[in-house]
Structures are given as structure tokens and as C-alpha cells.
């Protein structure tokens, strides 16, 4: 693909009067070419839609790799002990994403047998895989044990099943486990994604620490190597992460009283990202510096050796790397109230607005320099009044067939996508230096019924 006429997106205030400030939220490689089209990774977004269809997830490899390196290099700078960054693959789990982050030296946090299987098939080193989950099945635990990954014990049933499996499955060494703790720290985030306060389905509460450490200490088939805690998601505050170090190091001390040698500590993830120009999260560097220094200080105060420090960011790694390209369809004007502009996707490829009231920004990818003269609400095509991607978006004058790009859609869009209204899930492409690689094929109508079964008494399947 030709890459002539590339320009950096304008950042100055003077230029942004005629161009959307939303451009600041685009991936690192974003450019405007001489046709006034948005390019990501040297690939024209309009041409990508013509080739792969829409809706289309477009992942910028440069942005994704940059986030991985920022985390890894920041820990090397600020933490004098050993560290490992785990990508929280629930944000987006597929073969290509797993393989890419692993190639940058990251491990993976998985929360289901499916995510674990995907990571294995992507050839991720099992020693860098950690299985979470508040209701793991026997099959998932068996797969984890056979794989050799570390299992995070979330509750008493986990512990009971692992003890039983350790007697049934022959392993050359004890099963590596960590214990998830509920630290009792609250932070300002959406109530659905707060996981650290006491009223949570995750982890053991402080009043259970003695009992669980005692129980694990009596099971030589389990090797408890670490403790884990997580305080939430899309967090802009630093103080809760600072507080967490003290809580979890205190738990390390308590575990040692039962003969458990805790050598790893996982302080979770949760760093927020910019979805709108008004969002102001800490940088990756600042976040890592905060958690690393807090852990060092907490260990020094208790005269403890520095543990291997793990974290598990997801959103802040993959979120900013992706845009979703849609094609404009119908519109509806309600004089004095609202104008709706419909696109060819919606809540089935991005359920976050209807689920979390999440806010996104948009640009017109085929006319990037057109002045922002209109206000419209971007509506999806699903049979739901609440299927709204963006309320009151600032847009140029649009036409049917235009390409709208919704920004910062890498986290929890594909991973939460559905076939609601029997819409096939979109394709995804990875772009870099003018090359586009399909990493997820677009589903077909045949895919939608592939698992359906039609009893003979109800008719005959028409395979066409």
C-alpha cells in the first residue's frame, strides 16, 4: 500500500480549531494522507474497509508494542527486584494479540479455560501464565495443571478441588498456586468494575487469611508461591495502589507465620486510559513508579526481602491501540431534539456504552480536515433503543457511505462482542508499516448457525 503524503496529525491549538481534538486520542501511528483520509500503521482506513468490510477493528501494532515496552522498561527502572508484567487477556484474547504481547516479554493473566487454551495455542510460555477466576471448573483446573501454569486460588472451593486433583493427577512437582486477597480498598470507578473493596465476589477477606494460610500449609501438593490483589479497573488515582502495597506485604508476613514462603506478589492492574479529551490518567511510567516504590518501602519497613513483583494491566495495553471503523447508513432528524446517524454495527461489537455508560469519541476517517459543523448521536443498528455508541458527537457534515472511526476500542470490545440480533462479529486487522494482516475473520451467516441443531421433526436444514 502506498504511503506517500503522510503527515503527523496536528497537535497545535490553532489547527485543531478546524480539526477534531479527538485526533489526539488516535493510535501512535495515525496520520492524515494527501487524500485527507485517516491512516493507521501506514494503511488507509477507507481502503481497509473496502477490502475487509465494516465494522472493522483496526489494531495499530506500534501502539500495542509501545505500551508493552513502557510497562516492562519502567519496572526495570524503578523496581530493584525481579518483575513480570502480565497482560490481562480478558481485555482482548485472540491468537495474534497473545502472541504479540508475549513476543514483548510479557506473561498472560487468563480467567477461563478458553483464554488459557488460546494462550497455549499462541505458544505462550506456560511458566508465564496465571489462571484467575472466582468459579473455576474441574476441567479448567485440570487444563491448568496439565499446562503447568500458576493457579490463583480465589475461594475455598478452588482450594478443595485443587487438593483433590493433586492426588488424582500425577505431577513431577507441587502445583504452583497464589492466593487472591480482598484488600478492602475502594477507589473511584464504576461500581461494576470495583474488585478490591470487601463487598466483592473475588478473593478471601482479611478475616479469612489465617484459616486459608493454615489450610494451604497442610497441603504439600500445593506450592503457595505468592499473593494477589486487585482493586479495580479504569482507575485514575494513584493513592489506592500505594495503599495496596502495605496491605499485601502485611499479608505476606502473616503467611510466613504458617511456613509459607511467599516469593511473588501480584498487585493487579487497573490503570485507566483516555477515552475522551477530558480524561487525565497517570502515565504508565508514573503508575509503575508509584507501585514499585510503594512495594520497596513496604518491604523495607518490615525488613522483608523484595518479592518478584507482578502486575496485570489489560486495558492500558490494548485499549488505545485500536479503532473501530463503521460505515454510515441511515439518519433520522427530530427537529429541535436530536439527529441520529446510524452505523452498521453497535452494541454487538461494542457493548460498553449500553453496559457501563462508557463514553467514546469519533472522527470521520474519509474527510479528516472537514470542519466540525454538526452534532449527531451515533446509533447502532440493533433493535434496542439503548443501542447508542456516542451521544451528541461533533462531526463534519456526513453522507451515507462515509467511514466513521470510533477511537480507543481495543479493550473489552471484541472480547465482549456478541451475535445479538444474529449479527456476525466483525473482522480485525493488525496494521504496521503499510502492511495489514487479518487476525480475526469476519463471521458469516453460516458461522451463526454452525452450532445450531434442528430436530428432524421440525424440518430439514437448508445448507445453502
Protein backbone atom coordinates (compact mmCIF):
# COMPACT_ATOMS: atom_id res chain seq x y z
CA UNK A 1 0.00 0.00 0.00
CA UNK A 2 1.37 3.43 -0.91
CA UNK A 3 2.43 5.63 1.95
CA UNK A 4 3.06 8.93 0.13
CA UNK A 5 1.93 12.24 1.54
CA UNK A 6 1.94 11.16 5.19
CA UNK A 7 1.65 13.84 7.84
CA UNK A 8 1.60 13.74 11.62
CA UNK A 9 -1.82 14.56 12.97
CA UNK A 10 -1.95 18.20 14.05
CA UNK A 11 -1.50 18.84 17.76
CA UNK A 12 -1.48 22.65 17.84
CA UNK A 13 -4.46 24.56 19.21
CA UNK A 14 -4.69 26.73 16.11
CA UNK A 15 -5.04 23.84 13.72
CA UNK A 16 -7.39 21.91 15.99
CA UNK A 17 -9.99 24.67 15.64
CA UNK A 18 -10.90 23.18 12.28
CA UNK A 19 -9.92 19.60 13.05
CA UNK A 20 -11.28 17.41 15.76
CA UNK A 21 -9.44 17.45 19.12
CA UNK A 22 -10.42 13.77 19.15
CA UNK A 23 -7.46 13.18 16.85
CA UNK A 24 -5.25 13.35 19.95
CA UNK A 25 -6.86 10.07 21.05
CA UNK A 26 -5.78 8.17 17.93
CA UNK A 27 -3.09 5.45 17.93
CA UNK A 28 0.57 6.45 17.75
CA UNK A 29 0.99 5.75 14.04
CA UNK A 30 -2.06 7.80 12.99
CA UNK A 31 -1.54 10.11 10.01
CA UNK A 32 -3.63 12.02 7.53
CA UNK A 33 -2.67 11.27 3.93
CA UNK A 34 -2.87 13.52 0.88
CA UNK A 35 -6.43 12.31 0.20
CA UNK A 36 -7.47 13.60 3.62
CA UNK A 37 -8.01 10.02 4.79
CA UNK A 38 -7.01 8.65 8.17
CA UNK A 39 -4.14 6.19 8.06
CA UNK A 40 -3.23 3.79 10.85
CA UNK A 41 0.02 1.86 10.61
CA UNK A 42 0.53 3.30 7.14
CA UNK A 43 -2.79 1.83 5.95
CA UNK A 44 -5.65 3.96 4.63
CA UNK A 45 -8.70 3.27 6.81
CA UNK A 46 -11.11 3.80 3.91
CA UNK A 47 -9.21 1.26 1.80
CA UNK A 48 -9.13 -1.19 4.71
CA UNK A 49 -12.92 -1.00 4.92
CA UNK A 50 -13.22 -1.53 1.18
CA UNK A 51 -11.02 -4.62 1.46
CA UNK A 52 -12.18 -6.17 4.74
CA UNK A 53 -15.67 -4.69 5.20
CA UNK A 54 -17.15 -2.97 8.22
CA UNK A 55 -17.50 -2.82 11.13
CA UNK A 56 -13.76 -3.41 11.31
CA UNK A 57 -11.41 -3.48 14.29
CA UNK A 58 -8.08 -1.91 13.25
CA UNK A 59 -5.19 -2.58 15.65
CA UNK A 60 -2.05 -0.46 15.50
CA UNK A 61 0.94 -2.71 16.20
CA UNK A 62 3.17 0.24 17.09
CA UNK A 63 0.84 1.45 19.85
CA UNK A 64 0.39 -2.05 21.25
CA UNK A 65 4.09 -2.83 21.34
CA UNK A 66 4.88 0.59 22.79
CA UNK A 67 2.58 0.03 25.77
CA UNK A 68 4.14 -3.38 26.47
CA UNK A 69 7.63 -1.87 26.40
CA UNK A 70 6.66 1.07 28.57
CA UNK A 71 5.49 -1.28 31.32
CA UNK A 72 8.45 -3.63 31.08
CA UNK A 73 11.09 -0.89 30.89
CA UNK A 74 9.50 1.13 33.72
CA UNK A 75 9.72 -1.84 36.09
CA UNK A 76 13.35 -2.29 35.10
CA UNK A 77 13.95 1.36 36.03
CA UNK A 78 12.01 1.60 39.27
CA UNK A 79 11.95 -1.85 40.86
CA UNK A 80 15.29 -3.26 42.04
CA UNK A 81 13.91 -6.78 42.35
CA UNK A 82 12.60 -9.22 39.76
CA UNK A 83 9.36 -8.31 37.98
CA UNK A 84 6.95 -9.69 35.40
CA UNK A 85 4.22 -7.83 33.55
CA UNK A 86 1.18 -9.98 32.75
CA UNK A 87 -1.20 -8.93 30.01
CA UNK A 88 -4.78 -9.28 31.29
CA UNK A 89 -6.02 -11.11 28.24
CA UNK A 90 -9.68 -10.68 29.15
CA UNK A 91 -9.30 -7.23 27.56
CA UNK A 92 -8.78 -8.91 24.17
CA UNK A 93 -7.91 -12.58 23.79
CA UNK A 94 -7.06 -13.96 20.38
CA UNK A 95 -4.04 -15.79 18.97
CA UNK A 96 -2.38 -12.74 17.41
CA UNK A 97 -2.75 -10.44 20.42
CA UNK A 98 -1.49 -13.12 22.81
CA UNK A 99 1.49 -13.91 20.60
CA UNK A 100 2.34 -10.24 20.13
CA UNK A 101 2.40 -9.31 23.82
CA UNK A 102 4.35 -12.50 24.62
CA UNK A 103 6.93 -11.51 21.99
CA UNK A 104 7.43 -8.29 24.01
CA UNK A 105 8.39 -10.28 27.10
CA UNK A 106 5.01 -10.21 28.86
CA UNK A 107 3.25 -13.10 30.51
CA UNK A 108 -0.52 -13.55 30.42
CA UNK A 109 -3.27 -13.41 33.01
CA UNK A 110 -6.12 -15.70 31.92
CA UNK A 111 -9.52 -16.08 33.57
CA UNK A 112 -11.04 -19.10 31.83
CA UNK A 113 -10.18 -22.35 30.12
CA UNK A 114 -10.83 -20.64 26.80
CA UNK A 115 -8.35 -17.85 27.45
CA UNK A 116 -5.83 -20.37 28.74
CA UNK A 117 -6.29 -22.56 25.65
CA UNK A 118 -5.88 -19.53 23.37
CA UNK A 119 -2.63 -18.57 25.10
CA UNK A 120 -1.32 -22.13 24.82
CA UNK A 121 -2.17 -22.26 21.11
CA UNK A 122 -0.33 -18.96 20.67
CA UNK A 123 2.78 -20.68 22.11
CA UNK A 124 2.95 -18.52 25.22
CA UNK A 125 5.40 -19.95 27.77
CA UNK A 126 3.30 -21.79 30.41
CA UNK A 127 5.63 -20.51 33.13
CA UNK A 128 4.31 -17.02 32.43
CA UNK A 129 0.61 -17.95 32.52
CA UNK A 130 -1.57 -17.27 35.59
CA UNK A 131 -5.14 -18.56 35.84
CA UNK A 132 -7.65 -16.47 37.78
CA UNK A 133 -11.40 -16.88 38.28
CA UNK A 134 -13.97 -16.97 41.07
CA UNK A 135 -15.69 -20.16 39.87
CA UNK A 136 -13.17 -22.35 38.08
CA UNK A 137 -14.45 -25.68 36.80
CA UNK A 138 -12.71 -29.01 37.27
CA UNK A 139 -11.94 -29.08 33.55
CA UNK A 140 -10.31 -25.64 33.75
CA UNK A 141 -8.21 -26.63 36.76
CA UNK A 142 -7.15 -29.87 35.08
CA UNK A 143 -6.09 -27.97 31.97
CA UNK A 144 -4.14 -25.51 34.10
CA UNK A 145 -2.36 -28.28 35.98
CA UNK A 146 -1.51 -30.13 32.76
CA UNK A 147 -0.25 -26.90 31.23
CA UNK A 148 1.93 -26.08 34.21
CA UNK A 149 0.66 -22.56 34.70
CA UNK A 150 0.21 -20.90 38.08
CA UNK A 151 -3.29 -21.09 39.57
CA UNK A 152 -4.68 -18.23 41.66
CA UNK A 153 -6.84 -19.64 44.47
CA UNK A 154 -9.87 -17.39 44.81
CA UNK A 155 -12.04 -19.27 47.31
CA UNK A 156 -12.47 -22.39 49.42
CA UNK A 157 -13.89 -24.45 46.54
CA UNK A 158 -10.77 -23.72 44.49
CA UNK A 159 -8.64 -24.98 47.34
CA UNK A 160 -10.76 -28.07 47.86
CA UNK A 161 -10.76 -29.05 44.17
CA UNK A 162 -7.03 -28.45 43.79
CA UNK A 163 -6.32 -30.64 46.79
CA UNK A 164 -8.40 -33.43 45.25
CA UNK A 165 -6.86 -33.05 41.80
CA UNK A 166 -3.34 -33.05 43.21
CA UNK A 167 -3.98 -36.57 44.48
CA UNK A 168 -5.50 -37.74 41.18
CA UNK A 169 -3.15 -36.15 38.65
CA UNK A 170 0.47 -37.21 38.55
CA UNK A 171 2.77 -34.18 38.53
CA UNK A 172 6.53 -34.01 38.91
CA UNK A 173 6.32 -31.08 41.32
CA UNK A 174 3.75 -29.47 43.62
CA UNK A 175 1.13 -27.33 41.88
CA UNK A 176 2.13 -23.65 41.85
CA UNK A 177 -0.60 -21.53 43.40
CA UNK A 178 -1.17 -17.97 44.57
CA UNK A 179 -3.89 -16.73 46.91
CA UNK A 180 -6.19 -13.87 45.96
CA UNK A 181 -6.90 -11.46 48.78
CA UNK A 182 -9.61 -8.82 49.07
CA UNK A 183 -7.65 -5.83 50.37
CA UNK A 184 -10.62 -3.66 51.39
CA UNK A 185 -9.50 -0.68 49.31
CA UNK A 186 -12.10 1.32 47.40
CA UNK A 187 -11.42 3.67 44.52
CA UNK A 188 -13.46 5.92 42.28
CA UNK A 189 -14.52 3.79 39.33
CA UNK A 190 -17.72 2.27 38.01
CA UNK A 191 -19.39 0.09 40.63
CA UNK A 192 -19.42 -2.87 38.23
CA UNK A 193 -15.63 -2.90 37.96
CA UNK A 194 -14.62 -2.37 41.58
CA UNK A 195 -12.97 -5.55 42.81
CA UNK A 196 -10.88 -4.55 45.81
CA UNK A 197 -13.49 -3.49 48.36
CA UNK A 198 -14.85 -6.03 50.81
CA UNK A 199 -18.26 -6.41 49.15
CA UNK A 200 -16.82 -8.30 46.18
CA UNK A 201 -17.22 -11.77 44.74
CA UNK A 202 -13.44 -12.07 44.42
CA UNK A 203 -10.85 -13.31 46.88
CA UNK A 204 -10.50 -14.09 50.59
CA UNK A 205 -11.45 -11.39 53.10
CA UNK A 206 -8.92 -10.34 55.79
CA UNK A 207 -10.73 -12.31 58.50
CA UNK A 208 -10.10 -15.49 56.45
CA UNK A 209 -6.35 -15.06 55.97
CA UNK A 210 -5.31 -17.17 58.96
CA UNK A 211 -7.61 -20.02 58.04
CA UNK A 212 -6.64 -20.16 54.37
CA UNK A 213 -2.89 -19.91 55.02
CA UNK A 214 -3.17 -22.64 57.62
CA UNK A 215 -5.12 -24.89 55.24
CA UNK A 216 -2.66 -24.45 52.37
CA UNK A 217 0.31 -25.08 54.66
CA UNK A 218 -1.13 -28.53 55.40
CA UNK A 219 -1.20 -29.48 51.71
CA UNK A 220 2.32 -30.32 50.50
CA UNK A 221 0.98 -31.00 46.99
CA UNK A 222 0.36 -27.25 46.68
CA UNK A 223 3.25 -24.81 46.49
CA UNK A 224 1.98 -21.38 47.52
CA UNK A 225 4.41 -19.01 45.82
CA UNK A 226 2.51 -15.76 46.02
CA UNK A 227 -0.34 -13.44 46.93
CA UNK A 228 -2.57 -11.49 44.60
CA UNK A 229 -4.84 -8.47 45.00
CA UNK A 230 -6.66 -6.20 42.56
CA UNK A 231 -8.53 -3.01 43.39
CA UNK A 232 -10.50 -2.26 40.23
CA UNK A 233 -10.38 -1.00 36.68
CA UNK A 234 -10.16 2.31 34.77
CA UNK A 235 -8.58 3.97 37.81
CA UNK A 236 -7.01 7.44 37.60
CA UNK A 237 -5.96 7.64 41.27
CA UNK A 238 -2.51 6.62 42.49
CA UNK A 239 -3.08 6.55 46.26
CA UNK A 240 -5.10 3.28 46.28
CA UNK A 241 -2.21 1.50 44.55
CA UNK A 242 0.18 2.99 47.09
CA UNK A 243 -2.04 1.76 49.94
CA UNK A 244 -2.26 -1.73 48.43
CA UNK A 245 1.45 -2.40 48.90
CA UNK A 246 1.17 -2.08 52.68
CA UNK A 247 -1.88 -4.34 52.86
CA UNK A 248 -0.40 -7.10 50.74
CA UNK A 249 3.04 -7.05 52.43
CA UNK A 250 1.31 -7.36 55.79
CA UNK A 251 -0.40 -10.47 54.39
CA UNK A 252 3.00 -11.81 53.28
CA UNK A 253 4.15 -11.55 56.90
CA UNK A 254 1.06 -13.39 58.11
CA UNK A 255 1.55 -16.16 55.54
CA UNK A 256 5.14 -16.65 56.73
CA UNK A 257 3.80 -17.44 60.20
CA UNK A 258 2.31 -20.60 58.69
CA UNK A 259 5.51 -21.62 56.93
CA UNK A 260 4.52 -20.29 53.52
CA UNK A 261 7.43 -18.82 51.59
CA UNK A 262 5.82 -16.06 49.55
CA UNK A 263 8.19 -15.11 46.73
CA UNK A 264 5.75 -13.40 44.34
CA UNK A 265 3.27 -10.56 44.79
CA UNK A 266 0.73 -9.54 42.14
CA UNK A 267 -0.69 -6.05 42.67
CA UNK A 268 -3.21 -6.32 39.81
CA UNK A 269 -3.74 -3.71 37.12
CA UNK A 270 -6.48 -1.17 36.67
CA UNK A 271 -4.67 1.85 35.21
CA UNK A 272 -7.21 3.97 33.33
CA UNK A 273 -6.85 5.31 29.80
CA UNK A 274 -8.06 8.33 27.85
CA UNK A 275 -11.40 7.73 26.17
CA UNK A 276 -12.14 11.45 25.89
CA UNK A 277 -10.04 14.60 25.75
CA UNK A 278 -11.11 15.35 29.34
CA UNK A 279 -9.67 12.13 30.78
CA UNK A 280 -6.35 12.59 32.56
CA UNK A 281 -4.97 9.25 33.78
CA UNK A 282 -1.43 8.83 35.10
CA UNK A 283 1.13 7.69 32.57
CA UNK A 284 2.31 4.08 32.57
CA UNK A 285 5.68 5.31 33.83
CA UNK A 286 4.10 7.19 36.74
CA UNK A 287 1.89 4.24 37.67
CA UNK A 288 4.79 1.79 37.67
CA UNK A 289 6.97 4.19 39.66
CA UNK A 290 4.21 4.51 42.27
CA UNK A 291 3.58 0.80 42.75
CA UNK A 292 7.27 -0.12 42.62
CA UNK A 293 8.35 2.46 45.18
CA UNK A 294 5.39 1.61 47.42
CA UNK A 295 6.37 -2.07 47.41
CA UNK A 296 10.01 -1.29 48.16
CA UNK A 297 9.04 0.97 51.04
CA UNK A 298 6.54 -1.51 52.50
CA UNK A 299 9.12 -4.32 52.41
CA UNK A 300 11.84 -2.13 53.95
CA UNK A 301 9.55 -1.13 56.79
CA UNK A 302 9.02 -4.79 57.66
CA UNK A 303 12.58 -5.88 56.87
CA UNK A 304 11.35 -8.28 54.18
CA UNK A 305 13.17 -9.32 51.03
CA UNK A 306 11.71 -7.87 47.85
CA UNK A 307 9.34 -10.35 46.21
CA UNK A 308 9.02 -10.87 42.47
CA UNK A 309 6.58 -8.09 41.60
CA UNK A 310 3.81 -8.88 39.13
CA UNK A 311 1.09 -6.69 37.68
CA UNK A 312 -1.67 -7.44 35.18
CA UNK A 313 -2.67 -4.46 33.01
CA UNK A 314 -5.06 -5.10 30.14
CA UNK A 315 -6.98 -2.00 29.12
CA UNK A 316 -3.92 0.28 29.24
CA UNK A 317 -2.01 -2.08 26.94
CA UNK A 318 -4.54 -2.84 24.24
CA UNK A 319 -7.20 -0.14 24.61
CA UNK A 320 -5.50 2.82 22.86
CA UNK A 321 -4.16 0.63 20.05
CA UNK A 322 -7.46 0.06 18.25
CA UNK A 323 -10.14 1.97 16.38
CA UNK A 324 -13.39 0.57 15.03
CA UNK A 325 -14.38 1.67 11.54
CA UNK A 326 -18.08 1.81 10.66
CA UNK A 327 -19.97 2.78 7.52
CA UNK A 328 -22.66 5.46 7.83
CA UNK A 329 -26.15 4.33 6.83
CA UNK A 330 -29.48 5.97 7.59
CA UNK A 331 -30.23 9.10 9.56
CA UNK A 332 -33.21 10.50 11.40
CA UNK A 333 -33.74 14.16 12.25
CA UNK A 334 -36.05 15.15 15.08
CA UNK A 335 -36.30 18.96 14.79
CA UNK A 336 -35.28 20.73 17.97
CA UNK A 337 -34.37 17.47 19.71
CA UNK A 338 -31.77 15.25 18.07
CA UNK A 339 -30.30 13.89 14.88
CA UNK A 340 -29.49 10.18 14.74
CA UNK A 341 -26.80 8.82 12.43
CA UNK A 342 -26.89 5.03 12.13
CA UNK A 343 -23.85 2.83 11.50
CA UNK A 344 -23.54 -0.83 10.53
CA UNK A 345 -22.61 -2.09 13.99
CA UNK A 346 -23.30 -1.10 17.56
CA UNK A 347 -23.85 -2.91 20.84
CA UNK A 348 -22.87 -6.31 19.41
CA UNK A 349 -19.33 -5.13 18.64
CA UNK A 350 -19.08 -2.57 21.48
CA UNK A 351 -21.42 -3.29 24.40
CA UNK A 352 -19.63 -0.93 26.79
CA UNK A 353 -21.81 2.17 26.22
CA UNK A 354 -25.04 0.32 26.96
CA UNK A 355 -23.45 -1.74 29.76
CA UNK A 356 -21.20 0.77 31.56
CA UNK A 357 -22.44 4.07 30.08
CA UNK A 358 -18.96 4.37 28.59
CA UNK A 359 -18.12 7.43 26.51
CA UNK A 360 -16.17 7.36 23.24
CA UNK A 361 -15.00 9.82 20.61
CA UNK A 362 -15.23 9.62 16.82
CA UNK A 363 -13.64 11.04 13.66
CA UNK A 364 -14.77 11.00 10.02
CA UNK A 365 -12.00 8.84 8.59
CA UNK A 366 -12.53 9.71 4.90
CA UNK A 367 -12.62 13.51 5.42
CA UNK A 368 -10.31 14.25 8.32
CA UNK A 369 -9.93 18.01 7.77
CA UNK A 370 -13.63 18.77 7.25
CA UNK A 371 -14.87 21.35 9.80
CA UNK A 372 -16.94 20.14 12.74
CA UNK A 373 -20.27 21.70 11.88
CA UNK A 374 -22.81 19.12 13.09
CA UNK A 375 -23.95 17.45 16.30
CA UNK A 376 -25.37 13.96 15.99
CA UNK A 377 -25.97 10.87 18.06
CA UNK A 378 -24.27 7.77 16.64
CA UNK A 379 -26.74 4.90 16.79
CA UNK A 380 -26.18 1.22 16.22
CA UNK A 381 -28.36 -0.96 14.02
CA UNK A 382 -29.70 -3.26 16.71
CA UNK A 383 -33.32 -3.50 17.72
CA UNK A 384 -32.75 -1.67 21.01
CA UNK A 385 -33.47 1.98 21.75
CA UNK A 386 -30.43 1.97 24.01
CA UNK A 387 -28.09 0.92 21.22
CA UNK A 388 -26.25 4.24 21.16
CA UNK A 389 -22.50 4.35 20.64
CA UNK A 390 -21.96 8.09 21.16
CA UNK A 391 -24.39 10.81 22.23
CA UNK A 392 -24.02 14.31 20.78
CA UNK A 393 -20.90 13.61 18.73
CA UNK A 394 -19.25 16.56 16.99
CA UNK A 395 -18.97 15.74 13.29
CA UNK A 396 -18.44 17.28 9.88
CA UNK A 397 -21.39 17.18 7.51
CA UNK A 398 -21.80 13.47 6.81
CA UNK A 399 -23.13 11.38 3.96
CA UNK A 400 -24.32 7.80 3.66
CA UNK A 401 -21.25 5.71 2.92
CA UNK A 402 -18.86 7.82 5.00
CA UNK A 403 -16.45 5.99 7.30
CA UNK A 404 -16.75 6.81 10.99
CA UNK A 405 -13.89 5.71 13.23
CA UNK A 406 -14.67 5.26 16.92
CA UNK A 407 -11.46 5.64 18.92
CA UNK A 408 -9.83 3.68 21.74
CA UNK A 409 -11.82 0.47 21.21
CA UNK A 410 -9.13 -2.13 21.87
CA UNK A 411 -10.26 -3.11 25.36
CA UNK A 412 -13.41 -5.14 26.01
CA UNK A 413 -14.98 -4.51 22.59
CA UNK A 414 -14.11 -7.70 20.72
CA UNK A 415 -13.83 -9.69 23.95
CA UNK A 416 -17.41 -8.75 24.94
CA UNK A 417 -18.82 -8.84 21.40
CA UNK A 418 -21.94 -10.91 20.74
CA UNK A 419 -24.21 -12.10 17.97
CA UNK A 420 -27.17 -10.13 19.24
CA UNK A 421 -29.82 -9.85 16.51
CA UNK A 422 -27.76 -12.57 14.77
CA UNK A 423 -25.17 -10.10 13.57
CA UNK A 424 -21.86 -11.73 12.62
CA UNK A 425 -18.95 -10.44 14.69
CA UNK A 426 -16.54 -8.13 12.85
CA UNK A 427 -13.15 -8.85 11.37
CA UNK A 428 -9.96 -7.46 12.90
CA UNK A 429 -6.73 -6.44 11.19
CA UNK A 430 -3.28 -5.72 12.60
CA UNK A 431 -1.54 -2.89 10.77
CA UNK A 432 2.11 -1.89 10.69
CA UNK A 433 4.33 -0.02 8.22
CA UNK A 434 1.80 -0.18 5.41
CA UNK A 435 1.01 -3.89 5.90
CA UNK A 436 -2.35 -5.18 7.07
CA UNK A 437 -2.80 -8.69 8.43
CA UNK A 438 -6.15 -10.28 9.16
CA UNK A 439 -6.13 -11.55 12.75
CA UNK A 440 -9.85 -12.31 13.05
CA UNK A 441 -12.00 -13.34 10.13
CA UNK A 442 -15.44 -11.80 9.82
CA UNK A 443 -18.11 -14.25 10.85
CA UNK A 444 -20.55 -15.42 8.21
CA UNK A 445 -24.20 -16.35 8.42
CA UNK A 446 -23.10 -19.98 8.29
CA UNK A 447 -20.96 -19.35 11.38
CA UNK A 448 -24.08 -18.09 13.17
CA UNK A 449 -25.85 -21.42 12.80
CA UNK A 450 -22.79 -23.68 12.95
CA UNK A 451 -23.63 -24.91 16.45
CA UNK A 452 -27.40 -24.99 15.89
CA UNK A 453 -29.14 -28.36 15.77
CA UNK A 454 -32.52 -28.84 14.09
CA UNK A 455 -34.57 -31.85 15.27
CA UNK A 456 -35.86 -33.84 12.30
CA UNK A 457 -39.45 -33.42 13.45
CA UNK A 458 -39.10 -29.64 13.00
CA UNK A 459 -37.82 -29.70 9.43
CA UNK A 460 -34.74 -30.11 7.32
CA UNK A 461 -31.65 -27.88 7.44
CA UNK A 462 -31.16 -25.97 4.19
CA UNK A 463 -27.39 -25.97 3.73
CA UNK A 464 -27.13 -23.06 1.28
